[in-house]
Amino acid sequence: MADLPGAGSLLECAFVVYSPSAKQRCLGISDEILARYNLTSEEVASAMVQGAALRRARGHCEYGCRR
């Protein structure tokens, strides 16, 4: 998608997180949510969206997610 002309006007930044530790580190997902729900559950997905929106609003797309 990012290779398409004009994609930058739609895609400002992205978070690609798979592991539980990446979900915590990059998106701020709590231990409680990860322990209570399946990693691919609606609850975890909702928390990921909220975490991504918060980090985008704070400008965290600038540096990405580091170990």
Protein backbone atom coordinates (compact mmCIF):
# COMPACT_ATOMS: atom_id res chain seq x y z
CA MET A 1 0.00 0.00 0.00
CA ALA A 2 2.77 2.46 0.87
CA ASP A 3 4.25 2.03 -2.62
CA LEU A 4 1.19 3.59 -4.23
CA PRO A 5 1.41 7.25 -5.26
CA GLY A 6 -0.28 9.43 -2.66
CA ALA A 7 -0.22 6.75 0.06
CA GLY A 8 1.58 9.16 2.38
CA SER A 9 -1.51 11.34 2.54
CA LEU A 10 -3.42 8.39 4.04
CA LEU A 11 -0.74 6.51 5.95
CA GLU A 12 1.17 8.73 8.35
CA CYS A 13 2.57 6.01 10.57
CA ALA A 14 1.98 2.38 11.49
CA PHE A 15 2.67 -0.02 14.31
CA VAL A 16 3.27 -3.68 13.50
CA VAL A 17 3.23 -5.65 16.73
CA TYR A 18 2.84 -9.39 17.15
CA SER A 19 4.38 -10.53 20.42
CA PRO A 20 2.91 -9.73 23.83
CA SER A 21 6.06 -7.82 24.78
CA ALA A 22 5.80 -5.68 21.64
CA LYS A 23 2.15 -4.95 22.39
CA GLN A 24 3.20 -3.76 25.85
CA ARG A 25 6.30 -1.86 24.77
CA CYS A 26 4.95 -0.22 21.63
CA LEU A 27 1.29 0.28 22.46
CA GLY A 28 1.15 0.23 26.25
CA ILE A 29 -1.11 -2.82 26.54
CA SER A 30 -1.38 -3.79 30.20
CA ASP A 31 -0.37 -7.12 31.70
CA GLU A 32 -3.95 -7.49 32.95
CA ILE A 33 -5.49 -7.25 29.47
CA LEU A 34 -2.95 -9.66 28.00
CA ALA A 35 -3.48 -12.16 30.84
CA ARG A 36 -7.25 -11.97 30.68
CA TYR A 37 -7.85 -12.07 26.92
CA ASN A 38 -6.51 -13.91 23.88
CA LEU A 39 -3.83 -11.93 21.99
CA THR A 40 -6.13 -11.67 18.97
CA SER A 41 -9.30 -10.86 20.94
CA GLU A 42 -11.52 -7.87 20.37
CA GLU A 43 -10.50 -6.50 23.77
CA VAL A 44 -6.78 -6.61 22.95
CA ALA A 45 -7.43 -5.17 19.47
CA SER A 46 -9.39 -2.31 21.02
CA ALA A 47 -6.59 -1.60 23.50
CA MET A 48 -4.10 -1.65 20.60
CA VAL A 49 -6.13 0.94 18.68
CA GLN A 50 -6.34 3.15 21.75
CA GLY A 51 -2.61 2.78 22.40
CA ALA A 52 -1.72 3.55 18.79
CA ALA A 53 -3.96 6.63 18.73
CA LEU A 54 -2.45 7.92 21.97
CA ARG A 55 1.12 7.39 20.76
CA ARG A 56 0.37 8.98 17.40
CA ALA A 57 -1.14 12.01 19.15
CA ARG A 58 2.00 12.30 21.28
CA GLY A 59 4.26 12.10 18.23
CA HIS A 60 5.63 8.63 18.97
CA CYS A 61 5.51 7.72 15.27
CA GLU A 62 8.69 9.72 14.90
CA TYR A 63 10.94 7.13 16.49
CA GLY A 64 8.91 3.93 16.37
CA CYS A 65 9.13 1.10 18.82
CA ARG A 66 12.50 0.15 20.25
CA ARG A 67 13.62 -2.73 22.44
